[in-house]
């Protein structure tokens, strides 16, 4: 859970795991910030702090999975430096009820 500094106010969720597909990989599976708190820099603050911790912890790369239809999220992640495309996953055709993700990587 992500909370506002100094409060118990929950503003979002971050789910991660590490060690797959390589031991030096850190994976950001999901980041959600409540719409009430969008455009305040909270997501950027959280991820920049996380990237600092990962660099200091000697991880070799960080990956994030982003929905291809989520243009704001694609801009967010590429703006933070996760701008190498590792692959596309999901449905092979574009339709309203089809979904696909792009895996973005940042190497340290």
PDB file of N, CA and C in Angstrom:
ATOM      1  N   UNK A   1       0.826  -1.178   0.000  1.00  0.00           N
ATOM      2  CA  UNK A   1       0.000   0.000   0.000  1.00  0.00           C
ATOM      3  C   UNK A   1       0.877   1.250   0.000  1.00  0.00           C
ATOM      4  N   UNK A   2       0.458   2.240  -0.712  1.00  0.00           N
ATOM      5  CA  UNK A   2       1.143   3.526  -0.738  1.00  0.00           C
ATOM      6  C   UNK A   2       0.301   4.531   0.037  1.00  0.00           C
ATOM      7  N   UNK A   3       0.929   5.228   0.968  1.00  0.00           N
ATOM      8  CA  UNK A   3       0.218   6.217   1.777  1.00  0.00           C
ATOM      9  C   UNK A   3       0.871   7.582   1.635  1.00  0.00           C
ATOM     10  N   UNK A   4       0.099   8.629   1.929  1.00  0.00           N
ATOM     11  CA  UNK A   4       0.668   9.967   1.958  1.00  0.00           C
ATOM     12  C   UNK A   4       1.654  10.050   3.115  1.00  0.00           C
ATOM     13  N   UNK A   5       2.729  10.773   2.916  1.00  0.00           N
ATOM     14  CA  UNK A   5       3.744  10.914   3.959  1.00  0.00           C
ATOM     15  C   UNK A   5       3.119  11.415   5.251  1.00  0.00           C
ATOM     16  N   UNK A   6       3.455  10.743   6.349  1.00  0.00           N
ATOM     17  CA  UNK A   6       3.017  11.178   7.660  1.00  0.00           C
ATOM     18  C   UNK A   6       1.555  10.929   7.978  1.00  0.00           C
ATOM     19  N   UNK A   7       0.864  10.161   7.117  1.00  0.00           N
ATOM     20  CA  UNK A   7      -0.560   9.884   7.340  1.00  0.00           C
ATOM     21  C   UNK A   7      -0.831   8.399   7.108  1.00  0.00           C
ATOM     22  N   UNK A   8      -2.061   8.014   7.388  1.00  0.00           N
ATOM     23  CA  UNK A   8      -2.519   6.661   7.068  1.00  0.00           C
ATOM     24  C   UNK A   8      -3.389   6.653   5.814  1.00  0.00           C
ATOM     25  N   UNK A   9      -3.416   7.759   5.070  1.00  0.00           N
ATOM     26  CA  UNK A   9      -4.250   7.887   3.878  1.00  0.00           C
ATOM     27  C   UNK A   9      -3.668   7.048   2.745  1.00  0.00           C
ATOM     28  N   UNK A  10      -4.385   6.016   2.360  1.00  0.00           N
ATOM     29  CA  UNK A  10      -3.938   5.154   1.268  1.00  0.00           C
ATOM     30  C   UNK A  10      -4.237   5.838  -0.061  1.00  0.00           C
ATOM     31  N   UNK A  11      -3.195   5.964  -0.888  1.00  0.00           N
ATOM     32  CA  UNK A  11      -3.354   6.618  -2.188  1.00  0.00           C
ATOM     33  C   UNK A  11      -3.078   5.686  -3.357  1.00  0.00           C
ATOM     34  N   UNK A  12      -2.541   4.498  -3.082  1.00  0.00           N
ATOM     35  CA  UNK A  12      -2.246   3.604  -4.187  1.00  0.00           C
ATOM     36  C   UNK A  12      -1.704   2.264  -3.743  1.00  0.00           C
ATOM     37  N   UNK A  13      -1.357   1.477  -4.753  1.00  0.00           N
ATOM     38  CA  UNK A  13      -0.833   0.125  -4.552  1.00  0.00           C
ATOM     39  C   UNK A  13       0.341  -0.069  -5.504  1.00  0.00           C
ATOM     40  N   UNK A  14       1.372  -0.732  -5.017  1.00  0.00           N
ATOM     41  CA  UNK A  14       2.515  -1.110  -5.838  1.00  0.00           C
ATOM     42  C   UNK A  14       2.796  -2.577  -5.573  1.00  0.00           C
ATOM     43  N   UNK A  15       2.804  -3.392  -6.637  1.00  0.00           N
ATOM     44  CA  UNK A  15       3.156  -4.801  -6.484  1.00  0.00           C
ATOM     45  C   UNK A  15       4.415  -5.077  -7.303  1.00  0.00           C
ATOM     46  N   UNK A  16       5.334  -5.815  -6.692  1.00  0.00           N
ATOM     47  CA  UNK A  16       6.618  -6.088  -7.325  1.00  0.00           C
ATOM     48  C   UNK A  16       7.086  -7.496  -6.973  1.00  0.00           C
ATOM     49  N   UNK A  17       8.080  -7.960  -7.683  1.00  0.00           N
ATOM     50  CA  UNK A  17       8.795  -9.176  -7.307  1.00  0.00           C
ATOM     51  C   UNK A  17      10.193  -9.089  -7.887  1.00  0.00           C
ATOM     52  N   UNK A  18      11.081  -9.929  -7.421  1.00  0.00           N
ATOM     53  CA  UNK A  18      12.446  -9.892  -7.952  1.00  0.00           C
ATOM     54  C   UNK A  18      12.986 -11.297  -8.116  1.00  0.00           C
ATOM     55  N   UNK A  19      13.986 -11.379  -8.987  1.00  0.00           N
ATOM     56  CA  UNK A  19      14.654 -12.656  -9.207  1.00  0.00           C
ATOM     57  C   UNK A  19      14.180 -13.432 -10.413  1.00  0.00           C
ATOM     58  N   UNK A  20      13.298 -12.875 -11.234  1.00  0.00           N
ATOM     59  CA  UNK A  20      12.848 -13.568 -12.426  1.00  0.00           C
ATOM     60  C   UNK A  20      12.765 -12.563 -13.558  1.00  0.00           C
ATOM     61  N   UNK A  21      13.230 -12.838 -14.719  1.00  0.00           N
ATOM     62  CA  UNK A  21      13.784 -14.107 -15.170  1.00  0.00           C
ATOM     63  C   UNK A  21      15.247 -14.308 -14.783  1.00  0.00           C
ATOM     64  N   UNK A  22      15.886 -13.260 -14.251  1.00  0.00           N
ATOM     65  CA  UNK A  22      17.272 -13.385 -13.790  1.00  0.00           C
ATOM     66  C   UNK A  22      17.330 -12.914 -12.339  1.00  0.00           C
ATOM     67  N   UNK A  23      18.332 -13.365 -11.617  1.00  0.00           N
ATOM     68  CA  UNK A  23      18.442 -12.997 -10.204  1.00  0.00           C
ATOM     69  C   UNK A  23      18.601 -11.495 -10.003  1.00  0.00           C
ATOM     70  N   UNK A  24      19.167 -10.778 -10.982  1.00  0.00           N
ATOM     71  CA  UNK A  24      19.375  -9.331 -10.835  1.00  0.00           C
ATOM     72  C   UNK A  24      18.217  -8.500 -11.402  1.00  0.00           C
ATOM     73  N   UNK A  25      17.097  -9.150 -11.718  1.00  0.00           N
ATOM     74  CA  UNK A  25      15.930  -8.450 -12.260  1.00  0.00           C
ATOM     75  C   UNK A  25      14.949  -8.088 -11.151  1.00  0.00           C
ATOM     76  N   UNK A  26      14.500  -6.835 -11.170  1.00  0.00           N
ATOM     77  CA  UNK A  26      13.414  -6.388 -10.291  1.00  0.00           C
ATOM     78  C   UNK A  26      12.238  -6.057 -11.187  1.00  0.00           C
ATOM     79  N   UNK A  27      11.070  -6.604 -10.868  1.00  0.00           N
ATOM     80  CA  UNK A  27       9.908  -6.474 -11.732  1.00  0.00           C
ATOM     81  C   UNK A  27       8.814  -5.669 -11.054  1.00  0.00           C
ATOM     82  N   UNK A  28       8.367  -4.619 -11.718  1.00  0.00           N
ATOM     83  CA  UNK A  28       7.218  -3.842 -11.248  1.00  0.00           C
ATOM     84  C   UNK A  28       6.006  -4.381 -12.002  1.00  0.00           C
ATOM     85  N   UNK A  29       5.177  -5.080 -11.268  1.00  0.00           N
ATOM     86  CA  UNK A  29       4.038  -5.733 -11.878  1.00  0.00           C
ATOM     87  C   UNK A  29       2.834  -4.805 -12.009  1.00  0.00           C
ATOM     88  N   UNK A  30       2.644  -3.929 -11.016  1.00  0.00           N
ATOM     89  CA  UNK A  30       1.434  -3.119 -11.009  1.00  0.00           C
ATOM     90  C   UNK A  30       1.642  -1.887 -10.145  1.00  0.00           C
ATOM     91  N   UNK A  31       1.291  -0.730 -10.676  1.00  0.00           N
ATOM     92  CA  UNK A  31       1.275   0.517  -9.918  1.00  0.00           C
ATOM     93  C   UNK A  31      -0.076   1.167 -10.155  1.00  0.00           C
ATOM     94  N   UNK A  32      -0.743   1.486  -9.063  1.00  0.00           N
ATOM     95  CA  UNK A  32      -2.027   2.178  -9.157  1.00  0.00           C
ATOM     96  C   UNK A  32      -2.028   3.339  -8.180  1.00  0.00           C
ATOM     97  N   UNK A  33      -2.372   4.511  -8.668  1.00  0.00           N
ATOM     98  CA  UNK A  33      -2.571   5.691  -7.830  1.00  0.00           C
ATOM     99  C   UNK A  33      -4.030   6.105  -7.992  1.00  0.00           C
ATOM    100  N   UNK A  34      -4.726   6.291  -6.863  1.00  0.00           N
ATOM    101  CA  UNK A  34      -6.129   6.710  -6.882  1.00  0.00           C
ATOM    102  C   UNK A  34      -6.278   7.965  -7.736  1.00  0.00           C
ATOM    103  N   UNK A  35      -7.326   8.014  -8.546  1.00  0.00           N
ATOM    104  CA  UNK A  35      -7.529   9.139  -9.468  1.00  0.00           C
ATOM    105  C   UNK A  35      -7.579  10.488  -8.749  1.00  0.00           C
ATOM    106  N   UNK A  36      -8.005  10.498  -7.489  1.00  0.00           N
ATOM    107  CA  UNK A  36      -8.031  11.754  -6.725  1.00  0.00           C
ATOM    108  C   UNK A  36      -6.629  12.338  -6.559  1.00  0.00           C
ATOM    109  N   UNK A  37      -5.614  11.500  -6.694  1.00  0.00           N
ATOM    110  CA  UNK A  37      -4.239  11.927  -6.456  1.00  0.00           C
ATOM    111  C   UNK A  37      -3.390  11.969  -7.724  1.00  0.00           C
ATOM    112  N   UNK A  38      -4.037  11.822  -8.882  1.00  0.00           N
ATOM    113  CA  UNK A  38      -3.304  11.923 -10.145  1.00  0.00           C
ATOM    114  C   UNK A  38      -2.783  13.345 -10.338  1.00  0.00           C
ATOM    115  N   UNK A  39      -1.749  13.458 -11.138  1.00  0.00           N
ATOM    116  CA  UNK A  39      -1.149  14.734 -11.540  1.00  0.00           C
ATOM    117  C   UNK A  39      -0.538  15.501 -10.372  1.00  0.00           C
ATOM    118  N   UNK A  40      -0.179  14.787  -9.291  1.00  0.00           N
ATOM    119  CA  UNK A  40       0.458  15.422  -8.141  1.00  0.00           C
ATOM    120  C   UNK A  40       1.907  14.951  -7.971  1.00  0.00           C
ATOM    121  N   UNK A  41       2.366  14.093  -8.863  1.00  0.00           N
ATOM    122  CA  UNK A  41       3.737  13.626  -8.814  1.00  0.00           C
ATOM    123  C   UNK A  41       3.988  12.486  -7.843  1.00  0.00           C
ATOM    124  N   UNK A  42       2.929  11.915  -7.280  1.00  0.00           N
ATOM    125  CA  UNK A  42       3.108  10.855  -6.288  1.00  0.00           C
ATOM    126  C   UNK A  42       3.709   9.592  -6.896  1.00  0.00           C
ATOM    127  N   UNK A  43       3.192   9.160  -8.032  1.00  0.00           N
ATOM    128  CA  UNK A  43       3.717   7.965  -8.687  1.00  0.00           C
ATOM    129  C   UNK A  43       5.174   8.147  -9.069  1.00  0.00           C
ATOM    130  N   UNK A  44       5.494   9.310  -9.603  1.00  0.00           N
ATOM    131  CA  UNK A  44       6.871   9.599  -9.994  1.00  0.00           C
ATOM    132  C   UNK A  44       7.787   9.599  -8.769  1.00  0.00           C
ATOM    133  N   UNK A  45       7.321  10.165  -7.661  1.00  0.00           N
ATOM    134  CA  UNK A  45       8.120  10.191  -6.433  1.00  0.00           C
ATOM    135  C   UNK A  45       8.397   8.777  -5.926  1.00  0.00           C
ATOM    136  N   UNK A  46       7.363   7.945  -5.916  1.00  0.00           N
ATOM    137  CA  UNK A  46       7.505   6.564  -5.448  1.00  0.00           C
ATOM    138  C   UNK A  46       8.492   5.790  -6.323  1.00  0.00           C
ATOM    139  N   UNK A  47       8.313   5.867  -7.630  1.00  0.00           N
ATOM    140  CA  UNK A  47       9.169   5.085  -8.535  1.00  0.00           C
ATOM    141  C   UNK A  47      10.599   5.620  -8.548  1.00  0.00           C
ATOM    142  N   UNK A  48      10.778   6.925  -8.503  1.00  0.00           N
ATOM    143  CA  UNK A  48      12.147   7.449  -8.448  1.00  0.00           C
ATOM    144  C   UNK A  48      12.862   6.977  -7.185  1.00  0.00           C
ATOM    145  N   UNK A  49      12.169   6.960  -6.048  1.00  0.00           N
ATOM    146  CA  UNK A  49      12.766   6.460  -4.810  1.00  0.00           C
ATOM    147  C   UNK A  49      13.092   4.973  -4.950  1.00  0.00           C
ATOM    148  N   UNK A  50      12.158   4.209  -5.523  1.00  0.00           N
ATOM    149  CA  UNK A  50      12.396   2.781  -5.736  1.00  0.00           C
ATOM    150  C   UNK A  50      13.606   2.560  -6.649  1.00  0.00           C
ATOM    151  N   UNK A  51      13.718   3.322  -7.736  1.00  0.00           N
ATOM    152  CA  UNK A  51      14.856   3.174  -8.648  1.00  0.00           C
ATOM    153  C   UNK A  51      16.174   3.478  -7.939  1.00  0.00           C
ATOM    154  N   UNK A  52      16.179   4.462  -7.060  1.00  0.00           N
ATOM    155  CA  UNK A  52      17.376   4.769  -6.281  1.00  0.00           C
ATOM    156  C   UNK A  52      17.765   3.587  -5.401  1.00  0.00           C
ATOM    157  N   UNK A  53      16.792   3.012  -4.724  1.00  0.00           N
ATOM    158  CA  UNK A  53      17.042   1.843  -3.862  1.00  0.00           C
ATOM    159  C   UNK A  53      17.573   0.677  -4.686  1.00  0.00           C
ATOM    160  N   UNK A  54      16.983   0.448  -5.852  1.00  0.00           N
ATOM    161  CA  UNK A  54      17.412  -0.669  -6.695  1.00  0.00           C
ATOM    162  C   UNK A  54      18.841  -0.492  -7.192  1.00  0.00           C
ATOM    163  N   UNK A  55      19.195   0.735  -7.582  1.00  0.00           N
ATOM    164  CA  UNK A  55      20.574   1.004  -8.022  1.00  0.00           C
ATOM    165  C   UNK A  55      21.555   0.709  -6.884  1.00  0.00           C
ATOM    166  N   UNK A  56      21.207   1.187  -5.684  1.00  0.00           N
ATOM    167  CA  UNK A  56      22.080   0.999  -4.527  1.00  0.00           C
ATOM    168  C   UNK A  56      22.151  -0.470  -4.105  1.00  0.00           C
ATOM    169  N   UNK A  57      21.139  -1.251  -4.459  1.00  0.00           N
ATOM    170  CA  UNK A  57      21.090  -2.672  -4.093  1.00  0.00           C
ATOM    171  C   UNK A  57      21.702  -3.560  -5.165  1.00  0.00           C
ATOM    172  N   UNK A  58      22.284  -2.943  -6.173  1.00  0.00           N
ATOM    173  CA  UNK A  58      22.996  -3.659  -7.246  1.00  0.00           C
ATOM    174  C   UNK A  58      22.115  -4.542  -8.116  1.00  0.00           C
ATOM    175  N   UNK A  59      20.859  -4.156  -8.314  1.00  0.00           N
ATOM    176  CA  UNK A  59      20.054  -4.845  -9.311  1.00  0.00           C
ATOM    177  C   UNK A  59      20.580  -4.443 -10.683  1.00  0.00           C
ATOM    178  N   UNK A  60      20.494  -5.343 -11.639  1.00  0.00           N
ATOM    179  CA  UNK A  60      20.990  -5.069 -12.981  1.00  0.00           C
ATOM    180  C   UNK A  60      19.967  -4.412 -13.892  1.00  0.00           C
ATOM    181  N   UNK A  61      18.690  -4.665 -13.587  1.00  0.00           N
ATOM    182  CA  UNK A  61      17.638  -4.105 -14.433  1.00  0.00           C
ATOM    183  C   UNK A  61      16.330  -4.060 -13.664  1.00  0.00           C
ATOM    184  N   UNK A  62      15.459  -3.208 -14.152  1.00  0.00           N
ATOM    185  CA  UNK A  62      14.087  -3.158 -13.651  1.00  0.00           C
ATOM    186  C   UNK A  62      13.179  -3.267 -14.864  1.00  0.00           C
ATOM    187  N   UNK A  63      12.101  -4.022 -14.695  1.00  0.00           N
ATOM    188  CA  UNK A  63      11.135  -4.215 -15.781  1.00  0.00           C
ATOM    189  C   UNK A  63       9.752  -3.816 -15.291  1.00  0.00           C
ATOM    190  N   UNK A  64       8.926  -3.375 -16.224  1.00  0.00           N
ATOM    191  CA  UNK A  64       7.535  -3.057 -15.905  1.00  0.00           C
ATOM    192  C   UNK A  64       6.650  -3.531 -17.047  1.00  0.00           C
ATOM    193  N   UNK A  65       5.504  -4.058 -16.687  1.00  0.00           N
ATOM    194  CA  UNK A  65       4.511  -4.488 -17.665  1.00  0.00           C
ATOM    195  C   UNK A  65       3.441  -3.404 -17.744  1.00  0.00           C
ATOM    196  N   UNK A  66       3.169  -2.934 -18.966  1.00  0.00           N
ATOM    197  CA  UNK A  66       2.244  -1.819 -19.155  1.00  0.00           C
ATOM    198  C   UNK A  66       1.230  -2.192 -20.233  1.00  0.00           C
ATOM    199  N   UNK A  67      -0.035  -1.918 -19.967  1.00  0.00           N
ATOM    200  CA  UNK A  67      -1.076  -2.171 -20.969  1.00  0.00           C
ATOM    201  C   UNK A  67      -0.838  -1.277 -22.187  1.00  0.00           C
ATOM    202  N   UNK A  68      -0.845  -1.868 -23.355  1.00  0.00           N
ATOM    203  CA  UNK A  68      -0.587  -1.110 -24.580  1.00  0.00           C
ATOM    204  C   UNK A  68      -1.629  -0.010 -24.791  1.00  0.00           C
ATOM    205  N   UNK A  69      -2.858  -0.229 -24.366  1.00  0.00           N
ATOM    206  CA  UNK A  69      -3.909   0.772 -24.540  1.00  0.00           C
ATOM    207  C   UNK A  69      -3.835   1.901 -23.509  1.00  0.00           C
ATOM    208  N   UNK A  70      -2.922   1.814 -22.563  1.00  0.00           N
ATOM    209  CA  UNK A  70      -2.827   2.808 -21.492  1.00  0.00           C
ATOM    210  C   UNK A  70      -1.748   3.842 -21.836  1.00  0.00           C
ATOM    211  N   UNK A  71      -2.111   4.809 -22.679  1.00  0.00           N
ATOM    212  CA  UNK A  71      -1.157   5.810 -23.147  1.00  0.00           C
ATOM    213  C   UNK A  71      -0.543   6.631 -22.010  1.00  0.00           C
ATOM    214  N   UNK A  72      -1.328   7.079 -21.022  1.00  0.00           N
ATOM    215  CA  UNK A  72      -0.692   7.823 -19.926  1.00  0.00           C
ATOM    216  C   UNK A  72       0.364   6.991 -19.196  1.00  0.00           C
ATOM    217  N   UNK A  73       0.100   5.704 -18.979  1.00  0.00           N
ATOM    218  CA  UNK A  73       1.068   4.844 -18.295  1.00  0.00           C
ATOM    219  C   UNK A  73       2.316   4.643 -19.146  1.00  0.00           C
ATOM    220  N   UNK A  74       2.156   4.476 -20.445  1.00  0.00           N
ATOM    221  CA  UNK A  74       3.323   4.333 -21.331  1.00  0.00           C
ATOM    222  C   UNK A  74       4.196   5.587 -21.274  1.00  0.00           C
ATOM    223  N   UNK A  75       3.565   6.760 -21.272  1.00  0.00           N
ATOM    224  CA  UNK A  75       4.326   8.006 -21.162  1.00  0.00           C
ATOM    225  C   UNK A  75       5.019   8.110 -19.804  1.00  0.00           C
ATOM    226  N   UNK A  76       4.314   7.706 -18.752  1.00  0.00           N
ATOM    227  CA  UNK A  76       4.855   7.742 -17.400  1.00  0.00           C
ATOM    228  C   UNK A  76       6.128   6.902 -17.308  1.00  0.00           C
ATOM    229  N   UNK A  77       6.034   5.628 -17.697  1.00  0.00           N
ATOM    230  CA  UNK A  77       7.173   4.715 -17.552  1.00  0.00           C
ATOM    231  C   UNK A  77       8.334   5.092 -18.459  1.00  0.00           C
ATOM    232  N   UNK A  78       8.056   5.444 -19.709  1.00  0.00           N
ATOM    233  CA  UNK A  78       9.158   5.816 -20.598  1.00  0.00           C
ATOM    234  C   UNK A  78       9.803   7.117 -20.129  1.00  0.00           C
ATOM    235  N   UNK A  79       9.018   8.020 -19.555  1.00  0.00           N
ATOM    236  CA  UNK A  79       9.558   9.261 -19.012  1.00  0.00           C
ATOM    237  C   UNK A  79      10.481   9.039 -17.828  1.00  0.00           C
ATOM    238  N   UNK A  80      10.295   7.930 -17.125  1.00  0.00           N
ATOM    239  CA  UNK A  80      11.150   7.592 -15.986  1.00  0.00           C
ATOM    240  C   UNK A  80      12.377   6.782 -16.406  1.00  0.00           C
ATOM    241  N   UNK A  81      12.482   6.473 -17.685  1.00  0.00           N
ATOM    242  CA  UNK A  81      13.666   5.783 -18.178  1.00  0.00           C
ATOM    243  C   UNK A  81      13.484   4.322 -18.527  1.00  0.00           C
ATOM    244  N   UNK A  82      12.300   3.778 -18.313  1.00  0.00           N
ATOM    245  CA  UNK A  82      12.033   2.397 -18.743  1.00  0.00           C
ATOM    246  C   UNK A  82      11.592   2.483 -20.196  1.00  0.00           C
ATOM    247  N   UNK A  83      12.554   2.574 -21.090  1.00  0.00           N
ATOM    248  CA  UNK A  83      12.223   2.880 -22.482  1.00  0.00           C
ATOM    249  C   UNK A  83      12.764   1.880 -23.486  1.00  0.00           C
ATOM    250  N   UNK A  84      13.228   0.737 -22.998  1.00  0.00           N
ATOM    251  CA  UNK A  84      13.634  -0.342 -23.894  1.00  0.00           C
ATOM    252  C   UNK A  84      12.531  -1.379 -23.914  1.00  0.00           C
ATOM    253  N   UNK A  85      12.044  -1.702 -25.101  1.00  0.00           N
ATOM    254  CA  UNK A  85      10.962  -2.684 -25.237  1.00  0.00           C
ATOM    255  C   UNK A  85      11.569  -4.076 -25.249  1.00  0.00           C
ATOM    256  N   UNK A  86      11.081  -4.918 -24.337  1.00  0.00           N
ATOM    257  CA  UNK A  86      11.552  -6.305 -24.278  1.00  0.00           C
ATOM    258  C   UNK A  86      10.602  -7.249 -25.006  1.00  0.00           C
ATOM    259  N   UNK A  87       9.325  -6.909 -25.091  1.00  0.00           N
ATOM    260  CA  UNK A  87       8.389  -7.780 -25.782  1.00  0.00           C
ATOM    261  C   UNK A  87       6.954  -7.337 -25.620  1.00  0.00           C
ATOM    262  N   UNK A  88       6.101  -7.950 -26.422  1.00  0.00           N
ATOM    263  CA  UNK A  88       4.670  -7.720 -26.377  1.00  0.00           C
ATOM    264  C   UNK A  88       3.997  -9.028 -25.997  1.00  0.00           C
ATOM    265  N   UNK A  89       2.985  -8.952 -25.157  1.00  0.00           N
ATOM    266  CA  UNK A  89       2.306 -10.153 -24.684  1.00  0.00           C
ATOM    267  C   UNK A  89       0.802  -9.919 -24.681  1.00  0.00           C
ATOM    268  N   UNK A  90       0.047 -10.946 -25.007  1.00  0.00           N
ATOM    269  CA  UNK A  90      -1.407 -10.847 -24.957  1.00  0.00           C
ATOM    270  C   UNK A  90      -2.042 -11.141 -26.294  1.00  0.00           C
ATOM    271  N   UNK A  91      -3.236 -10.568 -26.481  1.00  0.00           N
ATOM    272  CA  UNK A  91      -3.992 -10.803 -27.713  1.00  0.00           C
ATOM    273  C   UNK A  91      -3.237 -10.274 -28.921  1.00  0.00           C
ATOM    274  N   UNK A  92      -3.376 -10.965 -30.038  1.00  0.00           N
ATOM    275  CA  UNK A  92      -2.637 -10.608 -31.246  1.00  0.00           C
ATOM    276  C   UNK A  92      -3.384  -9.626 -32.141  1.00  0.00           C
ATOM    277  N   UNK A  93      -4.690  -9.442 -31.907  1.00  0.00           N
ATOM    278  CA  UNK A  93      -5.493  -8.495 -32.683  1.00  0.00           C
ATOM    279  C   UNK A  93      -5.997  -7.393 -31.777  1.00  0.00           C
ATOM    280  N   UNK A  94      -6.150  -6.197 -32.354  1.00  0.00           N
ATOM    281  CA  UNK A  94      -6.733  -5.098 -31.595  1.00  0.00           C
ATOM    282  C   UNK A  94      -8.251  -5.153 -31.717  1.00  0.00           C
ATOM    283  N   UNK A  95      -8.921  -5.234 -30.600  1.00  0.00           N
ATOM    284  CA  UNK A  95     -10.383  -5.146 -30.499  1.00  0.00           C
ATOM    285  C   UNK A  95     -10.680  -4.546 -29.138  1.00  0.00           C
ATOM    286  N   UNK A  96     -11.862  -3.995 -28.974  1.00  0.00           N
ATOM    287  CA  UNK A  96     -12.213  -3.370 -27.701  1.00  0.00           C
ATOM    288  C   UNK A  96     -12.059  -4.318 -26.517  1.00  0.00           C
ATOM    289  N   UNK A  97     -12.369  -5.580 -26.718  1.00  0.00           N
ATOM    290  CA  UNK A  97     -12.318  -6.535 -25.607  1.00  0.00           C
ATOM    291  C   UNK A  97     -11.039  -7.373 -25.597  1.00  0.00           C
ATOM    292  N   UNK A  98     -10.022  -6.962 -26.350  1.00  0.00           N
ATOM    293  CA  UNK A  98      -8.742  -7.649 -26.365  1.00  0.00           C
ATOM    294  C   UNK A  98      -7.713  -6.812 -25.603  1.00  0.00           C
ATOM    295  N   UNK A  99      -6.738  -7.493 -25.021  1.00  0.00           N
ATOM    296  CA  UNK A  99      -5.753  -6.814 -24.195  1.00  0.00           C
ATOM    297  C   UNK A  99      -4.356  -7.323 -24.508  1.00  0.00           C
ATOM    298  N   UNK A 100      -3.405  -6.431 -24.373  1.00  0.00           N
ATOM    299  CA  UNK A 100      -2.007  -6.800 -24.553  1.00  0.00           C
ATOM    300  C   UNK A 100      -1.146  -5.877 -23.696  1.00  0.00           C
ATOM    301  N   UNK A 101       0.036  -6.359 -23.361  1.00  0.00           N
ATOM    302  CA  UNK A 101       0.978  -5.606 -22.543  1.00  0.00           C
ATOM    303  C   UNK A 101       2.313  -5.507 -23.264  1.00  0.00           C
ATOM    304  N   UNK A 102       3.023  -4.484 -22.916  1.00  0.00           N
ATOM    305  CA  UNK A 102       4.379  -4.292 -23.400  1.00  0.00           C
ATOM    306  C   UNK A 102       5.290  -4.348 -22.171  1.00  0.00           C
ATOM    307  N   UNK A 103       6.392  -5.043 -22.289  1.00  0.00           N
ATOM    308  CA  UNK A 103       7.343  -5.097 -21.179  1.00  0.00           C
ATOM    309  C   UNK A 103       8.467  -4.122 -21.461  1.00  0.00           C
ATOM    310  N   UNK A 104       8.643  -3.160 -20.551  1.00  0.00           N
ATOM    311  CA  UNK A 104       9.673  -2.141 -20.667  1.00  0.00           C
ATOM    312  C   UNK A 104      10.800  -2.429 -19.682  1.00  0.00           C
ATOM    313  N   UNK A 105      12.029  -2.101 -20.084  1.00  0.00           N
ATOM    314  CA  UNK A 105      13.198  -2.383 -19.244  1.00  0.00           C
ATOM    315  C   UNK A 105      14.065  -1.122 -19.110  1.00  0.00           C
ATOM    316  N   UNK A 106      14.648  -1.009 -17.915  1.00  0.00           N
ATOM    317  CA  UNK A 106      15.727  -0.036 -17.682  1.00  0.00           C
ATOM    318  C   UNK A 106      16.898  -0.826 -17.125  1.00  0.00           C
ATOM    319  N   UNK A 107      18.047  -0.699 -17.758  1.00  0.00           N
ATOM    320  CA  UNK A 107      19.264  -1.323 -17.246  1.00  0.00           C
ATOM    321  C   UNK A 107      20.025  -0.328 -16.393  1.00  0.00           C
ATOM    322  N   UNK A 108      20.638  -0.828 -15.334  1.00  0.00           N
ATOM    323  CA  UNK A 108      21.444   0.033 -14.456  1.00  0.00           C
ATOM    324  C   UNK A 108      22.905  -0.106 -14.817  1.00  0.00           C
TER     325      UNK A 108
END
